[in-house]
Amino acid sequence: MGTSEAGLARVQVEGQDAALIERLRDPLLRALGERRTVYFVRVEAVGRVGEVLVSITGSNGHLPLLLRGEEELDAGFVFSVVSGAVVKFGL
């Protein structure tokens, strides 16, 4: 199942760590790209133990997600958590 180009245009992913952005961009785009909402996503490394803050802002609000450790940065895990959270909180 692919993400349409129109869907990709509705999701903007930014942050200061280019390698981290590259790693998380695809699962974030897959999780958010098919929804009919514009999203701004900020990805930031926080803390000293590899925590990553993924802040998702959409027309219905803002949702911060904290990912901890290598397991939680796995593409499948990121896709699952982001997809589920956006649905659960109506973002």
Protein backbone atom coordinates (compact mmCIF):
# COMPACT_ATOMS: atom_id res chain seq x y z
CA MET A 1 0.00 0.00 0.00
CA GLY A 2 1.68 3.21 -1.16
CA THR A 3 1.22 6.76 -0.04
CA SER A 4 -0.01 9.19 -2.67
CA GLU A 5 2.02 12.23 -3.62
CA ALA A 6 -0.85 14.46 -2.46
CA GLY A 7 -0.70 12.76 0.94
CA LEU A 8 3.03 13.32 1.17
CA ALA A 9 2.57 17.01 0.43
CA ARG A 10 0.30 17.28 3.48
CA VAL A 11 3.00 16.05 5.87
CA GLN A 12 6.04 18.19 6.65
CA VAL A 13 8.81 16.57 8.73
CA GLU A 14 11.57 18.75 10.19
CA GLY A 15 14.29 18.70 12.82
CA GLN A 16 17.97 19.44 13.30
CA ASP A 17 19.37 15.90 13.12
CA ALA A 18 19.40 14.96 9.42
CA ALA A 19 20.16 11.28 10.08
CA LEU A 20 17.28 11.01 12.54
CA ILE A 21 14.91 12.75 10.14
CA GLU A 22 15.93 10.39 7.35
CA ARG A 23 15.40 7.37 9.60
CA LEU A 24 11.89 8.39 10.71
CA ARG A 25 10.58 10.18 7.61
CA ASP A 26 9.19 7.12 5.81
CA PRO A 27 7.25 5.60 8.71
CA LEU A 28 5.90 9.05 9.63
CA LEU A 29 4.79 9.72 6.05
CA ARG A 30 3.17 6.28 5.82
CA ALA A 31 1.35 6.79 9.13
CA LEU A 32 0.08 10.29 8.35
CA GLY A 33 0.09 10.67 4.56
CA GLU A 34 -3.21 8.95 3.79
CA ARG A 35 -5.19 11.00 6.29
CA ARG A 36 -7.00 14.07 4.98
CA THR A 37 -5.22 16.50 7.30
CA VAL A 38 -2.14 18.67 7.02
CA TYR A 39 0.52 17.75 9.59
CA PHE A 40 3.69 19.44 10.75
CA VAL A 41 6.04 17.00 12.48
CA ARG A 42 9.10 18.04 14.48
CA VAL A 43 11.62 15.34 15.40
CA GLU A 44 14.17 16.10 18.12
CA ALA A 45 16.72 14.05 20.04
CA VAL A 46 16.23 14.75 23.75
CA GLY A 47 17.95 13.56 26.88
CA ARG A 48 21.18 11.61 27.10
CA VAL A 49 19.88 8.09 26.59
CA GLY A 50 18.64 8.20 23.00
CA GLU A 51 15.14 9.53 23.56
CA VAL A 52 13.42 11.11 20.58
CA LEU A 53 10.51 13.55 20.79
CA VAL A 54 8.12 13.42 17.85
CA SER A 55 5.76 16.40 18.00
CA ILE A 56 2.80 16.16 15.62
CA THR A 57 0.66 19.21 14.98
CA GLY A 58 -2.53 18.99 12.94
CA SER A 59 -5.65 21.04 12.49
CA ASN A 60 -7.24 19.38 15.54
CA GLY A 61 -4.38 19.87 17.97
CA HIS A 62 -0.89 18.86 19.02
CA LEU A 63 0.43 15.46 20.08
CA PRO A 64 3.91 14.90 21.57
CA LEU A 65 5.23 11.32 21.47
CA LEU A 66 8.40 10.23 23.27
CA LEU A 67 10.27 7.29 21.75
CA ARG A 68 12.88 5.59 23.92
CA GLY A 69 15.74 3.44 22.72
CA GLU A 70 16.57 1.69 19.47
CA GLU A 71 13.57 -0.67 19.59
CA GLU A 72 11.14 2.22 19.58
CA LEU A 73 12.90 3.87 16.64
CA ASP A 74 12.19 0.84 14.46
CA ALA A 75 10.17 1.87 11.38
CA GLY A 76 7.33 -0.59 12.12
CA PHE A 77 7.06 0.55 15.72
CA VAL A 78 7.06 4.25 14.75
CA PHE A 79 4.37 3.62 12.11
CA SER A 80 2.21 1.66 14.57
CA VAL A 81 2.51 4.14 17.45
CA VAL A 82 1.93 7.22 15.31
CA SER A 83 -1.01 5.68 13.42
CA GLY A 84 -2.68 4.50 16.60
CA ALA A 85 -2.11 7.71 18.54
CA VAL A 86 -3.45 9.94 15.78
CA VAL A 87 -6.63 7.86 15.58
CA LYS A 88 -7.00 7.53 19.36
CA PHE A 89 -6.67 11.26 20.01
CA GLY A 90 -8.57 12.41 16.89
CA LEU A 91 -5.68 14.33 15.45
